[in-house]
N, C-alpha and C. Protein backbone atom coordinates (compact mmCIF):
# COMPACT_ATOMS: atom_id res chain seq x y z
N UNK A 1 -6.86 18.56 -5.95
CA UNK A 1 -5.76 18.15 -4.89
C UNK A 1 -4.44 17.94 -6.31
N UNK A 2 -4.16 18.05 -6.09
CA UNK A 2 -2.43 18.34 -6.30
C UNK A 2 -1.78 16.52 -6.87
N UNK A 3 -1.38 16.79 -7.84
CA UNK A 3 -0.32 15.03 -8.53
C UNK A 3 0.27 14.99 -7.30
N UNK A 4 1.38 16.17 -7.04
CA UNK A 4 2.14 15.44 -6.18
C UNK A 4 2.04 15.58 -4.82
N UNK A 5 1.13 16.26 -4.13
CA UNK A 5 0.48 16.34 -2.90
C UNK A 5 -0.39 13.92 -2.77
N UNK A 6 -1.04 13.62 -3.65
CA UNK A 6 -0.99 12.78 -3.34
C UNK A 6 -0.02 11.89 -3.61
N UNK A 7 0.80 11.79 -4.65
CA UNK A 7 2.02 10.88 -4.66
C UNK A 7 2.48 10.92 -3.17
N UNK A 8 2.84 12.30 -2.64
CA UNK A 8 3.54 13.01 -1.08
C UNK A 8 3.36 11.90 -0.52
N UNK A 9 2.33 12.12 -0.33
CA UNK A 9 1.10 11.35 1.39
C UNK A 9 0.99 10.12 0.93
N UNK A 10 1.08 9.14 -0.47
CA UNK A 10 0.70 7.59 -0.64
C UNK A 10 2.25 7.53 0.15
N UNK A 11 3.14 8.27 -0.17
CA UNK A 11 4.37 7.94 0.18
C UNK A 11 4.72 7.81 1.32
N UNK A 12 4.01 8.63 2.38
CA UNK A 12 4.22 8.70 3.78
C UNK A 12 3.62 7.71 4.43
N UNK A 13 1.87 7.46 3.91
CA UNK A 13 1.93 6.77 4.76
C UNK A 13 2.38 4.84 4.51
N UNK A 14 3.04 4.41 2.97
CA UNK A 14 3.97 3.66 3.06
C UNK A 14 4.71 3.41 3.55
N UNK A 15 5.66 4.49 3.90
CA UNK A 15 6.82 4.59 4.45
C UNK A 15 5.84 4.13 6.26
N UNK A 16 5.52 4.75 6.65
CA UNK A 16 4.82 4.55 8.21
C UNK A 16 4.04 3.32 8.33
N UNK A 17 3.66 2.56 7.41
CA UNK A 17 2.87 1.27 7.36
C UNK A 17 4.19 0.33 7.49
N UNK A 18 5.18 0.73 6.31
CA UNK A 18 6.45 -0.61 5.93
C UNK A 18 6.89 -0.59 7.25
N UNK A 19 7.39 1.39 8.04
CA UNK A 19 8.37 0.72 9.38
C UNK A 19 7.71 0.60 9.88
N UNK A 20 6.06 0.25 10.33
CA UNK A 20 5.29 0.02 11.83
C UNK A 20 5.98 -1.61 11.32
N UNK A 21 5.68 -2.13 10.03
CA UNK A 21 5.48 -3.75 9.54
C UNK A 21 7.07 -4.41 10.15
N UNK A 22 8.03 -3.96 9.92
CA UNK A 22 8.84 -4.22 9.91
C UNK A 22 9.41 -3.97 11.18
N UNK A 23 8.90 -2.86 12.08
CA UNK A 23 10.35 -3.30 13.02
C UNK A 23 9.36 -3.85 14.31
N UNK A 24 8.03 -3.40 14.10
CA UNK A 24 7.06 -3.96 15.05
C UNK A 24 6.03 -5.07 14.56
N UNK A 25 6.24 -6.16 14.31
CA UNK A 25 5.77 -7.09 13.62
C UNK A 25 4.35 -8.02 14.70
N UNK A 26 4.76 -7.79 16.04
CA UNK A 26 3.86 -8.71 16.82
C UNK A 26 2.66 -7.31 17.20
N UNK A 27 3.36 -6.42 17.55
CA UNK A 27 2.17 -5.18 17.23
C UNK A 27 1.04 -5.25 16.29
N UNK A 28 1.87 -5.13 14.81
CA UNK A 28 1.16 -4.81 13.54
C UNK A 28 0.08 -6.76 13.69
N UNK A 29 0.91 -7.83 13.07
CA UNK A 29 0.02 -8.80 13.38
C UNK A 29 -1.39 -8.66 14.04
N UNK A 30 -1.27 -8.47 15.46
CA UNK A 30 -2.09 -8.28 16.06
C UNK A 30 -3.03 -7.80 15.60
N UNK A 31 -3.21 -6.90 15.13
CA UNK A 31 -4.38 -5.88 14.26
C UNK A 31 -5.01 -6.78 12.97
N UNK A 32 -4.53 -7.66 12.77
CA UNK A 32 -5.04 -9.39 11.73
C UNK A 32 -5.60 -10.19 12.33
N UNK A 33 -5.99 -10.11 14.20
CA UNK A 33 -6.59 -10.75 15.12
C UNK A 33 -5.98 -12.21 14.49
N UNK A 34 -4.74 -12.44 14.03
CA UNK A 34 -4.05 -13.92 14.55
C UNK A 34 -4.31 -14.15 15.57
N UNK A 35 -4.12 -15.36 15.46
CA UNK A 35 -5.05 -16.38 16.47
C UNK A 35 -3.80 -16.83 17.33
N UNK A 36 -4.50 -17.41 18.62
CA UNK A 36 -2.75 -17.28 19.33
C UNK A 36 -2.31 -18.81 19.26
N UNK A 37 -1.26 -18.87 19.17
CA UNK A 37 -0.02 -20.28 18.18
C UNK A 37 0.22 -20.91 19.52
N UNK A 38 -0.06 -21.66 19.70
CA UNK A 38 0.25 -22.58 21.04
C UNK A 38 2.68 -22.41 21.05
N UNK A 39 2.52 -21.69 22.10
CA UNK A 39 4.55 -21.68 22.05
C UNK A 39 4.99 -22.61 22.74
N UNK A 40 4.36 -23.23 23.25
CA UNK A 40 5.25 -24.41 24.07
C UNK A 40 5.36 -25.86 22.67
N UNK A 41 4.75 -25.42 21.96
CA UNK A 41 5.28 -26.42 21.05
C UNK A 41 6.31 -26.55 19.76
N UNK A 42 6.79 -26.75 19.24
CA UNK A 42 8.16 -26.31 18.00
C UNK A 42 7.39 -25.79 16.74
N UNK A 43 6.25 -26.68 16.24
CA UNK A 43 5.76 -26.03 14.53
C UNK A 43 5.17 -24.86 15.44
N UNK A 44 4.13 -24.77 16.23
CA UNK A 44 3.65 -23.26 17.02
C UNK A 44 5.18 -22.37 16.64
N UNK A 45 5.34 -22.40 17.07
CA UNK A 45 7.23 -21.41 17.61
C UNK A 45 7.53 -21.15 15.94
N UNK A 46 7.50 -22.11 15.36
CA UNK A 46 7.87 -21.68 13.89
C UNK A 46 7.08 -21.10 12.66
N UNK A 47 6.05 -21.28 13.10
CA UNK A 47 4.69 -20.84 12.49
C UNK A 47 4.65 -19.22 12.75
N UNK A 48 4.44 -19.05 13.65
CA UNK A 48 4.73 -17.85 14.70
C UNK A 48 6.13 -17.14 14.41
N UNK A 49 6.90 -17.68 13.62
CA UNK A 49 7.83 -16.88 13.84
C UNK A 49 8.39 -16.58 11.90
N UNK A 50 7.47 -17.41 11.52
CA UNK A 50 7.23 -17.06 9.99
C UNK A 50 6.07 -16.08 9.97
N UNK A 51 5.32 -16.33 10.16
CA UNK A 51 4.16 -15.02 10.29
C UNK A 51 4.71 -13.36 10.85
N UNK A 52 5.85 -13.49 11.87
CA UNK A 52 6.92 -12.59 11.96
C UNK A 52 7.79 -11.58 10.69
N UNK A 53 8.57 -13.31 10.21
CA UNK A 53 9.00 -12.74 9.20
C UNK A 53 8.74 -12.17 7.58
N UNK A 54 7.41 -12.53 7.73
CA UNK A 54 6.51 -11.68 6.89
C UNK A 54 6.44 -10.48 6.58
N UNK A 55 5.92 -10.66 8.05
CA UNK A 55 5.95 -9.35 8.51
C UNK A 55 6.56 -8.17 8.74
N UNK A 56 8.39 -8.66 8.10
CA UNK A 56 9.62 -7.72 8.18
C UNK A 56 9.05 -7.99 6.63
N UNK A 57 9.43 -9.12 6.12
CA UNK A 57 9.53 -8.45 4.42
C UNK A 57 8.63 -8.10 4.15
N UNK A 58 7.24 -7.91 4.21
CA UNK A 58 6.02 -7.46 3.82
C UNK A 58 6.31 -5.44 4.15
N UNK A 59 6.84 -5.27 5.14
CA UNK A 59 7.17 -3.71 5.82
C UNK A 59 8.43 -3.20 4.98
N UNK A 60 9.33 -3.93 4.14
CA UNK A 60 10.41 -3.96 3.93
C UNK A 60 10.18 -3.68 2.13
N UNK A 61 9.22 -3.71 1.33
CA UNK A 61 8.17 -3.65 0.49
C UNK A 61 7.68 -2.83 0.52
N UNK A 62 6.79 -2.42 1.86
CA UNK A 62 6.05 -1.30 1.24
C UNK A 62 7.32 -0.07 1.76
N UNK A 63 8.15 -0.02 2.56
CA UNK A 63 9.29 1.06 2.38
C UNK A 63 9.48 1.61 0.94
N UNK A 64 10.39 0.10 0.71
CA UNK A 64 10.42 0.10 -0.63
C UNK A 64 9.68 1.09 -1.60
N UNK A 65 8.35 0.69 -1.98
CA UNK A 65 6.68 1.97 -3.19
C UNK A 65 7.26 3.19 -1.99
N UNK A 66 7.34 3.11 -0.68
CA UNK A 66 7.21 4.56 0.14
C UNK A 66 7.92 5.89 -0.92
N UNK A 67 9.64 5.05 -0.45
CA UNK A 67 11.04 5.86 -1.52
C UNK A 67 10.73 5.87 -2.54
N UNK A 68 9.79 4.95 -3.90
CA UNK A 68 9.61 4.86 -4.73
C UNK A 68 8.44 6.08 -5.04
N UNK A 69 7.39 6.17 -4.42
CA UNK A 69 6.68 6.87 -4.97
C UNK A 69 7.06 8.58 -4.58
N UNK A 70 7.58 8.75 -3.37
CA UNK A 70 8.70 10.40 -3.29
C UNK A 70 8.93 10.67 -3.99
N UNK A 71 9.90 9.55 -4.75
CA UNK A 71 10.66 9.90 -5.39
C UNK A 71 10.63 10.22 -6.79
N UNK A 72 9.59 9.66 -7.58
CA UNK A 72 9.01 10.28 -8.52
C UNK A 72 7.67 10.93 -8.46
N UNK A 73 7.40 11.23 -7.34
CA UNK A 73 6.06 12.96 -7.43
C UNK A 73 6.21 13.35 -8.38
N UNK A 74 7.52 14.09 -8.69
CA UNK A 74 7.11 14.86 -9.19
C UNK A 74 7.65 14.72 -11.31
N UNK A 75 7.71 13.98 -10.94
CA UNK A 75 7.72 13.01 -12.29
C UNK A 75 6.01 13.57 -13.49
N UNK A 76 5.25 12.72 -12.66
CA UNK A 76 3.61 12.84 -12.84
C UNK A 76 3.19 14.14 -13.60
N UNK A 77 4.06 15.30 -13.15
CA UNK A 77 3.45 16.79 -13.53
C UNK A 77 4.74 17.40 -14.38
N UNK A 78 5.75 16.95 -14.42
CA UNK A 78 7.84 17.09 -15.33
C UNK A 78 6.35 17.40 -16.83
N UNK A 79 6.45 18.58 -16.87
CA UNK A 79 6.14 18.49 -18.95
C UNK A 79 6.92 17.77 -19.77
N UNK A 80 9.00 17.74 -19.31
CA UNK A 80 9.70 17.45 -20.13
C UNK A 80 9.03 15.92 -20.18
N UNK A 81 8.49 15.31 -19.80
CA UNK A 81 8.07 13.50 -18.90
C UNK A 81 6.96 13.64 -20.91
N UNK A 82 6.66 12.66 -21.08
CA UNK A 82 5.98 12.75 -21.99
C UNK A 82 4.71 12.45 -21.51
N UNK A 83 3.37 13.00 -21.71
CA UNK A 83 2.11 12.66 -21.24
C UNK A 83 1.59 11.36 -20.89
N UNK A 84 1.68 10.18 -22.37
CA UNK A 84 1.90 8.98 -22.00
C UNK A 84 2.43 8.50 -20.96
N UNK A 85 4.17 8.84 -20.43
CA UNK A 85 4.59 8.16 -19.37
C UNK A 85 4.20 8.55 -18.20
N UNK A 86 3.13 10.38 -18.06
CA UNK A 86 3.30 10.41 -17.27
C UNK A 86 1.86 9.31 -16.83
N UNK A 87 0.60 9.37 -17.58
CA UNK A 87 -0.50 8.24 -17.45
C UNK A 87 -0.15 7.37 -17.95
N UNK A 88 1.18 7.08 -17.35
CA UNK A 88 1.28 5.12 -17.72
C UNK A 88 2.00 5.51 -15.45
N UNK A 89 2.36 6.58 -15.05
CA UNK A 89 2.87 6.20 -14.07
C UNK A 89 1.16 6.22 -12.72
N UNK A 90 0.54 6.22 -13.09
CA UNK A 90 -0.66 7.08 -12.34
C UNK A 90 -1.52 6.29 -13.10
N UNK A 91 -1.28 5.62 -13.70
CA UNK A 91 -2.57 3.95 -14.01
C UNK A 91 -1.74 2.82 -13.20
N UNK A 92 -0.75 2.93 -13.31
CA UNK A 92 -0.38 2.18 -12.98
C UNK A 92 -0.45 1.80 -11.18
N UNK A 93 -0.52 3.41 -10.68
CA UNK A 93 -0.76 2.99 -9.00
C UNK A 93 -2.27 3.31 -9.12
N UNK A 94 -3.09 3.62 -9.87
CA UNK A 94 -4.42 3.37 -9.67
C UNK A 94 -4.64 2.54 -10.02
N UNK A 95 -4.12 1.19 -11.11
CA UNK A 95 -4.12 -0.83 -10.96
C UNK A 95 -3.72 -0.82 -9.95
N UNK A 96 -2.32 -0.72 -9.38
CA UNK A 96 -1.94 -1.36 -8.37
C UNK A 96 -2.62 -1.45 -6.61
N UNK A 97 -3.00 -0.12 -6.63
CA UNK A 97 -4.35 -0.04 -5.44
C UNK A 97 -5.14 -0.66 -5.58
N UNK A 98 -6.09 -0.80 -6.93
CA UNK A 98 -7.60 -1.38 -7.12
C UNK A 98 -7.18 -2.67 -6.34
N UNK A 99 -6.03 -3.29 -7.65
CA UNK A 99 -6.26 -4.87 -6.81
C UNK A 99 -5.49 -4.91 -4.96
N UNK A 100 -4.88 -3.80 -4.77
CA UNK A 100 -4.61 -4.48 -3.66
C UNK A 100 -5.52 -4.12 -3.14
N UNK A 101 -7.21 -3.36 -2.69
CA UNK A 101 -8.31 -3.30 -2.42
C UNK A 101 -9.07 -4.34 -2.25
N UNK A 102 -8.84 -4.92 -3.74
CA UNK A 102 -9.40 -6.32 -4.13
C UNK A 102 -9.28 -7.18 -2.88
N UNK A 103 -7.84 -7.88 -3.32
CA UNK A 103 -7.35 -8.54 -2.27
C UNK A 103 -7.26 -8.20 -0.74
N UNK A 104 -7.31 -7.40 -0.07
CA UNK A 104 -7.74 -7.08 0.87
C UNK A 104 -9.23 -7.05 1.40
N UNK A 105 -9.82 -6.84 0.00
CA UNK A 105 -11.49 -6.42 0.67
C UNK A 105 -11.95 -8.59 1.13
N UNK A 106 -10.55 -9.40 -0.22
CA UNK A 106 -11.01 -10.72 0.44
C UNK A 106 -10.48 -11.25 1.64
N UNK A 107 -9.52 -10.95 0.93
CA UNK A 107 -8.89 -11.22 3.05
C UNK A 107 -9.94 -11.20 4.24
N UNK A 108 -10.11 -9.33 4.22
CA UNK A 108 -11.16 -9.07 5.83
C UNK A 108 -12.08 -10.04 5.76
N UNK A 109 -12.81 -10.32 4.56
CA UNK A 109 -13.88 -10.84 4.99
C UNK A 109 -14.20 -12.15 4.67
N UNK A 110 -12.38 -12.95 4.43
CA UNK A 110 -12.55 -14.57 4.49
C UNK A 110 -11.54 -14.37 5.91
N UNK A 111 -10.40 -13.79 6.32
CA UNK A 111 -9.55 -14.17 7.30
C UNK A 111 -10.24 -13.71 8.37
N UNK A 112 -9.39 -12.10 8.32
CA UNK A 112 -9.11 -10.88 9.08
C UNK A 112 -10.19 -10.94 10.16
N UNK A 113 -11.50 -10.39 9.86
CA UNK A 113 -12.64 -9.73 10.04
C UNK A 113 -11.69 -8.57 11.38
N UNK A 114 -11.41 -7.71 11.15
CA UNK A 114 -10.32 -6.72 11.98
C UNK A 114 -9.83 -5.60 11.89
N UNK A 115 -9.41 -5.02 12.84
CA UNK A 115 -9.59 -3.16 12.74
C UNK A 115 -7.99 -2.97 11.36
N UNK A 116 -7.10 -3.93 10.95
CA UNK A 116 -5.95 -4.04 11.04
C UNK A 116 -6.79 -4.46 8.96
N UNK A 117 -6.79 -4.95 9.20
CA UNK A 117 -8.20 -5.64 7.72
C UNK A 117 -8.48 -4.09 6.91
N UNK A 118 -9.84 -3.42 8.20
CA UNK A 118 -10.11 -2.36 7.38
C UNK A 118 -9.21 -1.45 7.23
N UNK A 119 -8.11 -0.61 7.26
CA UNK A 119 -7.06 -0.37 7.20
C UNK A 119 -6.39 -0.35 5.73
N UNK A 120 -5.98 -1.73 5.57
CA UNK A 120 -5.86 -2.18 4.19
C UNK A 120 -6.48 -2.53 3.47
N UNK A 121 -7.91 -2.23 3.44
CA UNK A 121 -8.63 -1.85 2.98
C UNK A 121 -8.92 -0.41 2.10
N UNK A 122 -9.15 0.92 2.86
CA UNK A 122 -9.27 1.91 3.64
C UNK A 122 -8.30 2.47 2.36
N UNK A 123 -6.98 2.61 2.92
CA UNK A 123 -5.61 3.37 2.34
C UNK A 123 -5.72 2.55 0.64
N UNK A 124 -5.94 1.45 0.36
CA UNK A 124 -5.12 1.52 -1.24
C UNK A 124 -7.42 1.70 -2.21
N UNK A 125 -8.07 1.88 -1.09
CA UNK A 125 -9.07 2.22 -2.37
C UNK A 125 -9.24 3.89 -1.71
N UNK A 126 -8.83 4.35 -1.32
CA UNK A 126 -8.94 5.98 -1.15
C UNK A 126 -7.75 6.17 -2.28
N UNK A 127 -6.67 5.89 -2.21
CA UNK A 127 -5.67 5.83 -3.28
C UNK A 127 -5.95 5.64 -4.23
N UNK A 128 -6.62 4.40 -4.72
CA UNK A 128 -7.64 4.21 -5.97
C UNK A 128 -7.79 5.74 -6.57
N UNK A 129 -9.22 5.28 -5.72
CA UNK A 129 -9.85 6.36 -6.05
C UNK A 129 -9.83 7.78 -6.24
N UNK A 130 -8.28 8.77 -5.47
CA UNK A 130 -8.24 9.28 -5.56
C UNK A 130 -6.72 9.50 -7.70
N UNK A 131 -6.16 8.11 -7.15
CA UNK A 131 -5.15 8.44 -9.05
C UNK A 131 -6.10 8.41 -9.91
N UNK A 132 -7.11 7.63 -10.07
CA UNK A 132 -8.53 7.51 -11.00
C UNK A 132 -9.30 8.99 -11.22
N UNK A 133 -9.47 9.90 -10.13
CA UNK A 133 -10.00 11.04 -10.14
C UNK A 133 -8.76 11.71 -11.09
N UNK A 134 -7.09 11.78 -11.05
CA UNK A 134 -5.96 12.33 -11.09
C UNK A 134 -6.35 12.43 -12.41
N UNK A 135 -6.50 10.65 -13.24
CA UNK A 135 -6.46 10.16 -14.58
C UNK A 135 -7.42 11.06 -15.64
N UNK A 136 -8.41 11.01 -14.86
CA UNK A 136 -9.82 11.79 -15.51
C UNK A 136 -9.32 13.26 -15.57
N UNK A 137 -8.89 13.87 -14.23
CA UNK A 137 -9.50 15.32 -14.80
C UNK A 137 -7.77 16.19 -14.80
N UNK A 138 -6.99 15.45 -14.31
CA UNK A 138 -5.44 16.49 -14.35
C UNK A 138 -4.30 16.06 -15.49
N UNK A 139 -4.40 14.79 -15.80
CA UNK A 139 -3.95 14.60 -17.26
C UNK A 139 -4.34 14.52 -18.08
N UNK A 140 -4.48 15.49 -18.61
CA UNK A 140 -5.29 15.56 -20.26
C UNK A 140 -4.55 16.37 -20.98
N UNK A 141 -3.87 16.10 -22.38
CA UNK A 141 -3.26 16.25 -23.33
C UNK A 141 -3.89 17.88 -23.83
N UNK A 142 -3.03 18.70 -24.06
CA UNK A 142 -3.66 19.71 -24.09
C UNK A 142 -4.79 20.43 -25.07
N UNK A 143 -5.00 19.18 -26.40
CA UNK A 143 -5.66 19.47 -27.41
C UNK A 143 -6.69 18.65 -26.95
N UNK A 144 -7.21 17.70 -25.96
CA UNK A 144 -8.27 17.41 -25.56
C UNK A 144 -9.26 18.24 -25.11
């Protein structure tokens, strides 16, 4: 698989999830099994609104990440960019996705126990594995 393809697919997935979290927070938080919050209390309504606000901000961050990934998809294979810089891009993505997977696994078994949790585990695990594979097979120096 080509590096540009992996980066493009990763960008599209993060953009899609980001749009979903930003525009449809009610639907997305239901995937994570948020318990019913008493709507008749002022504190319950405030908590629910804070959860929705966080979902929207998370969506905006995912949209930003998606645009960033899409814009750098060709840099990882551009020979004008030093090999170390290209490795740095893919290494950062491998590490970031590994950390995201570890956090999602922890939260799935501590709090979520939900389909949304499995999705948030699956996406970074797959991309971490792909980026690690690309680092070990595709980004080698000519003399190696």
